[in-house]
Amino acid sequence: MVGSKMVQKLFEARPTDIIMATLPKSGTTWLKALLFATDRQPQFFSLPYPQLGHLNPHTVSFLEGELYGDGVRVPEMDSIPSPRFWATHISRSISYPIRCRLRCRVVYLCRNPKDNIVSYWHFISKLRKKNGREPLPLDVCFDRFCQGRSHSGPFWDHMLGYWKASLRVRGSNVLFMRYEELMKDPAAELKRVAEFVGCPFTQEEQANGVVEDIVGTCGFEKLSNLEVNKVGKRTLFRHNGR
């Protein structure tokens, strides 16, 4: 909770900032990788090594984690050129004054709560096993998830806050995405989010299969097998433009 409070108190958003908001285990890493590859394209594919494995770009810094988790402000944030990319699990009700006042763009990825709970339970179980603790019963995890016993808060409050903000008739700064739709047609969803963040694919790029190349490069299997994704240090993501 310290990180969340410090974000609300100290984070100075810019109108050009792009924030990726999710609940834990809702496709956060996947979204980060897709946005990074889209932003760095075409140089993303021109290097002799895969950037996702070398630079760990999909681990975009969490506002309430790496940046403010210790209760202090990271000074190098100010040196990052615009637009900056951030990630957060904080609900919109907590961060509303920051994000809406300056109208930075927010990409929200929502997942079916049933799948979200199961994925979160597996994640917690692995952490507990790694630390030599007993597994957390699924029913206990279910109750905690529904009660919102985390800094993210209850699922419905979290999801509805961003969903309602995305429904504004005039110039909503929130793009609401569904994990299941991203799974069903990742190319179409990638084009939609690229347009929203200001990196639309040209007709030539689409004809040359760039969208499909990015989707393939950022697939689940490749991301999960990257050692840098498992142990890599998170870095402040610098947007280079195209």
Protein backbone atom coordinates (compact mmCIF):
# COMPACT_ATOMS: atom_id res chain seq x y z
CA MET A 1 0.00 0.00 0.00
CA VAL A 2 2.97 2.33 0.53
CA GLY A 3 3.72 2.39 -3.19
CA SER A 4 0.12 3.15 -4.13
CA LYS A 5 -0.09 6.04 -1.68
CA MET A 6 3.21 7.46 -2.88
CA VAL A 7 2.08 7.30 -6.51
CA GLN A 8 -1.01 9.32 -5.65
CA LYS A 9 1.04 11.82 -3.70
CA LEU A 10 4.20 12.22 -5.78
CA PHE A 11 3.75 10.96 -9.34
CA GLU A 12 3.69 13.83 -11.82
CA ALA A 13 2.10 12.49 -14.98
CA ARG A 14 2.59 14.09 -18.35
CA PRO A 15 -0.15 14.39 -20.97
CA THR A 16 2.02 12.23 -23.23
CA ASP A 17 2.48 9.39 -20.72
CA ILE A 18 1.09 5.97 -21.60
CA ILE A 19 0.07 3.77 -18.68
CA MET A 20 -0.70 0.06 -18.94
CA ALA A 21 -3.19 -0.83 -16.22
CA THR A 22 -4.17 -4.38 -15.27
CA LEU A 23 -4.99 -6.58 -12.35
CA PRO A 24 -2.20 -9.06 -11.53
CA LYS A 25 -2.09 -12.08 -13.88
CA SER A 26 -4.26 -10.46 -16.54
CA GLY A 27 -1.78 -10.45 -19.41
CA THR A 28 0.41 -7.60 -18.19
CA THR A 29 3.70 -8.95 -19.54
CA TRP A 30 2.11 -9.76 -22.89
CA LEU A 31 0.75 -6.22 -23.21
CA LYS A 32 4.12 -4.71 -22.31
CA ALA A 33 5.92 -6.80 -24.91
CA LEU A 34 3.43 -5.94 -27.66
CA LEU A 35 3.64 -2.22 -26.95
CA PHE A 36 7.43 -2.27 -26.79
CA ALA A 37 7.76 -4.11 -30.10
CA THR A 38 5.25 -1.76 -31.73
CA ASP A 39 7.03 1.33 -30.46
CA ARG A 40 10.52 0.10 -31.45
CA GLN A 41 9.45 -1.13 -34.90
CA PRO A 42 11.11 -1.27 -37.46
CA GLN A 43 14.44 -1.30 -35.61
CA PHE A 44 13.03 -4.06 -33.40
CA PHE A 45 13.62 -6.64 -36.14
CA SER A 46 16.83 -5.18 -37.55
CA LEU A 47 19.18 -6.22 -34.73
CA PRO A 48 21.09 -9.54 -34.74
CA TYR A 49 19.54 -10.53 -31.40
CA PRO A 50 15.96 -10.44 -30.07
CA GLN A 51 15.42 -7.26 -28.08
CA LEU A 52 12.87 -8.91 -25.84
CA GLY A 53 15.54 -11.29 -24.60
CA HIS A 54 18.40 -8.80 -24.41
CA LEU A 55 16.85 -5.63 -23.02
CA ASN A 56 13.95 -7.04 -21.00
CA PRO A 57 11.67 -4.24 -22.30
CA HIS A 58 8.41 -5.96 -21.42
CA THR A 59 9.20 -5.46 -17.74
CA VAL A 60 8.16 -1.83 -17.90
CA SER A 61 8.49 -0.28 -14.45
CA PHE A 62 5.48 -0.48 -12.13
CA LEU A 63 4.66 2.89 -10.62
CA GLU A 64 3.76 1.44 -7.23
CA GLY A 65 6.58 -1.11 -7.36
CA GLU A 66 10.01 -0.22 -8.73
CA LEU A 67 9.40 3.52 -8.76
CA TYR A 68 7.62 4.23 -5.46
CA GLY A 69 7.65 0.92 -3.63
CA ASP A 70 10.22 2.15 -1.12
CA GLY A 71 8.25 5.29 -0.38
CA VAL A 72 10.57 7.59 -2.30
CA ARG A 73 10.56 9.11 -5.76
CA VAL A 74 12.92 7.84 -8.47
CA PRO A 75 14.79 10.93 -9.71
CA GLU A 76 15.64 9.64 -13.21
CA MET A 77 11.95 9.59 -14.11
CA ASP A 78 12.22 13.25 -15.07
CA SER A 79 15.04 12.59 -17.54
CA ILE A 80 13.01 10.16 -19.65
CA PRO A 81 11.84 11.86 -22.86
CA SER A 82 8.16 11.85 -23.73
CA PRO A 83 6.15 9.81 -24.19
CA ARG A 84 6.96 7.59 -21.21
CA PHE A 85 5.52 4.11 -20.64
CA TRP A 86 4.48 2.90 -17.17
CA ALA A 87 2.61 -0.07 -15.71
CA THR A 88 0.29 -0.25 -12.72
CA HIS A 89 -2.10 -2.54 -10.86
CA ILE A 90 -3.64 0.44 -9.02
CA SER A 91 -7.37 1.02 -9.39
CA ARG A 92 -8.60 4.13 -11.17
CA SER A 93 -10.33 5.40 -8.04
CA ILE A 94 -6.93 5.74 -6.36
CA SER A 95 -5.10 7.24 -9.32
CA TYR A 96 -7.95 9.31 -10.79
CA PRO A 97 -6.61 12.78 -9.85
CA ILE A 98 -3.27 12.03 -11.48
CA ARG A 99 -4.31 10.45 -14.71
CA CYS A 100 -7.41 12.37 -15.58
CA ARG A 101 -6.14 15.80 -14.69
CA LEU A 102 -3.38 15.58 -17.27
CA ARG A 103 -5.25 13.17 -19.55
CA CYS A 104 -2.38 10.81 -20.21
CA ARG A 105 -3.41 7.73 -22.17
CA VAL A 106 -4.27 4.54 -20.31
CA VAL A 107 -4.46 1.06 -21.87
CA TYR A 108 -6.48 -1.24 -19.62
CA LEU A 109 -6.46 -5.02 -20.15
CA CYS A 110 -9.25 -6.96 -18.45
CA ARG A 111 -9.42 -10.74 -18.06
CA ASN A 112 -12.33 -13.06 -17.26
CA PRO A 113 -12.39 -13.15 -13.43
CA LYS A 114 -12.60 -16.95 -13.27
CA ASP A 115 -9.44 -17.35 -15.33
CA ASN A 116 -7.84 -14.45 -13.50
CA ILE A 117 -8.37 -16.13 -10.12
CA VAL A 118 -6.93 -19.47 -11.25
CA SER A 119 -3.89 -17.84 -12.85
CA TYR A 120 -3.31 -15.72 -9.77
CA TRP A 121 -3.62 -18.79 -7.53
CA HIS A 122 -0.98 -20.68 -9.54
CA PHE A 123 1.29 -17.65 -9.38
CA ILE A 124 0.93 -17.30 -5.60
CA SER A 125 1.42 -21.04 -5.13
CA LYS A 126 4.73 -20.94 -6.99
CA LEU A 127 5.94 -18.02 -4.89
CA ARG A 128 4.98 -19.73 -1.64
CA LYS A 129 6.67 -22.97 -2.70
CA LYS A 130 9.82 -21.07 -3.64
CA ASN A 131 9.86 -19.51 -0.17
CA GLY A 132 9.28 -22.85 1.55
CA ARG A 133 5.69 -22.10 2.57
CA GLU A 134 2.59 -24.26 2.36
CA PRO A 135 0.39 -23.88 -0.76
CA LEU A 136 -2.49 -21.43 -0.48
CA PRO A 137 -5.83 -23.27 -0.76
CA LEU A 138 -7.80 -22.23 -3.82
CA ASP A 139 -10.88 -21.33 -1.77
CA VAL A 140 -8.80 -18.98 0.39
CA CYS A 141 -7.33 -17.35 -2.71
CA PHE A 142 -10.84 -17.04 -4.14
CA ASP A 143 -12.13 -15.28 -1.02
CA ARG A 144 -9.20 -12.88 -0.93
CA PHE A 145 -9.61 -12.10 -4.62
CA CYS A 146 -13.32 -11.35 -4.26
CA GLN A 147 -12.77 -9.28 -1.13
CA GLY A 148 -10.10 -7.25 -2.85
CA ARG A 149 -7.47 -7.96 -0.21
CA SER A 150 -4.63 -6.45 -2.20
CA HIS A 151 -3.46 -2.99 -3.25
CA SER A 152 -5.45 -3.48 -6.48
CA GLY A 153 -8.77 -3.74 -4.63
CA PRO A 154 -11.86 -5.78 -5.64
CA PHE A 155 -12.06 -7.01 -9.24
CA TRP A 156 -15.35 -5.34 -10.12
CA ASP A 157 -14.37 -1.95 -8.70
CA HIS A 158 -11.06 -2.10 -10.51
CA MET A 159 -12.50 -3.15 -13.86
CA LEU A 160 -15.57 -0.90 -13.82
CA GLY A 161 -13.54 2.18 -12.97
CA TYR A 162 -11.54 1.93 -16.17
CA TRP A 163 -14.46 0.63 -18.25
CA LYS A 164 -16.69 3.59 -17.38
CA ALA A 165 -13.88 6.00 -18.15
CA SER A 166 -13.46 4.40 -21.59
CA LEU A 167 -17.11 5.11 -22.47
CA ARG A 168 -16.79 8.87 -22.64
CA VAL A 169 -18.23 10.17 -25.87
CA ARG A 170 -15.59 12.83 -26.42
CA GLY A 171 -11.93 11.96 -26.43
CA SER A 172 -11.66 9.24 -23.83
CA ASN A 173 -8.07 8.76 -22.72
CA VAL A 174 -8.73 5.14 -21.70
CA LEU A 175 -8.63 2.19 -24.09
CA PHE A 176 -10.45 -0.80 -22.60
CA MET A 177 -9.20 -4.15 -23.91
CA ARG A 178 -10.32 -7.70 -23.17
CA TYR A 179 -7.80 -10.48 -22.70
CA GLU A 180 -10.06 -12.97 -24.44
CA GLU A 181 -10.36 -10.75 -27.53
CA LEU A 182 -6.60 -10.31 -27.59
CA MET A 183 -6.26 -14.08 -27.53
CA LYS A 184 -8.84 -14.54 -30.28
CA ASP A 185 -7.48 -11.96 -32.72
CA PRO A 186 -4.16 -10.54 -31.49
CA ALA A 187 -3.36 -8.83 -34.80
CA ALA A 188 -6.59 -6.82 -34.83
CA GLU A 189 -6.23 -5.84 -31.17
CA LEU A 190 -2.59 -4.87 -31.69
CA LYS A 191 -3.56 -2.52 -34.51
CA ARG A 192 -6.22 -0.99 -32.29
CA VAL A 193 -3.84 -0.31 -29.40
CA ALA A 194 -1.11 0.93 -31.76
CA GLU A 195 -3.52 3.51 -33.15
CA PHE A 196 -4.51 4.57 -29.64
CA VAL A 197 -0.94 5.15 -28.39
CA GLY A 198 0.06 7.06 -31.52
CA CYS A 199 2.09 4.38 -33.33
CA PRO A 200 -0.32 3.24 -36.07
CA PHE A 201 0.94 0.73 -38.61
CA THR A 202 1.24 2.02 -42.15
CA GLN A 203 -0.41 0.21 -45.05
CA GLU A 204 3.03 -0.89 -46.20
CA GLU A 205 3.88 -2.32 -42.79
CA GLN A 206 0.62 -4.23 -42.67
CA ALA A 207 1.14 -5.56 -46.20
CA ASN A 208 4.64 -6.71 -45.24
CA GLY A 209 3.30 -8.70 -42.29
CA VAL A 210 4.83 -6.54 -39.57
CA VAL A 211 1.78 -6.93 -37.32
CA GLU A 212 1.90 -10.71 -37.56
CA ASP A 213 5.67 -10.70 -36.95
CA ILE A 214 5.22 -8.74 -33.73
CA VAL A 215 2.42 -11.02 -32.57
CA GLY A 216 4.59 -14.07 -33.23
CA THR A 217 7.66 -12.61 -31.54
CA CYS A 218 5.65 -11.68 -28.44
CA GLY A 219 3.84 -15.01 -28.15
CA PHE A 220 3.26 -16.64 -24.75
CA GLU A 221 5.75 -19.46 -25.23
CA LYS A 222 8.58 -17.14 -26.20
CA LEU A 223 7.90 -14.74 -23.33
CA SER A 224 7.63 -17.47 -20.71
CA ASN A 225 10.88 -19.09 -21.86
CA LEU A 226 12.93 -15.90 -21.70
CA GLU A 227 15.35 -16.11 -18.79
CA VAL A 228 15.46 -12.32 -18.68
CA ASN A 229 11.72 -12.31 -18.02
CA LYS A 230 12.24 -14.58 -15.02
CA VAL A 231 15.22 -12.88 -13.41
CA GLY A 232 15.83 -9.69 -15.37
CA LYS A 233 16.03 -6.32 -13.73
CA ARG A 234 13.24 -3.92 -14.57
CA THR A 235 14.32 -0.75 -16.30
CA LEU A 236 12.79 2.62 -17.00
CA PHE A 237 11.31 2.25 -20.47
CA ARG A 238 12.34 4.96 -22.90
CA HIS A 239 10.05 5.60 -25.85
CA ASN A 240 12.11 6.12 -29.01
CA GLY A 241 9.35 6.85 -31.50
CA ARG A 242 9.33 5.78 -35.14
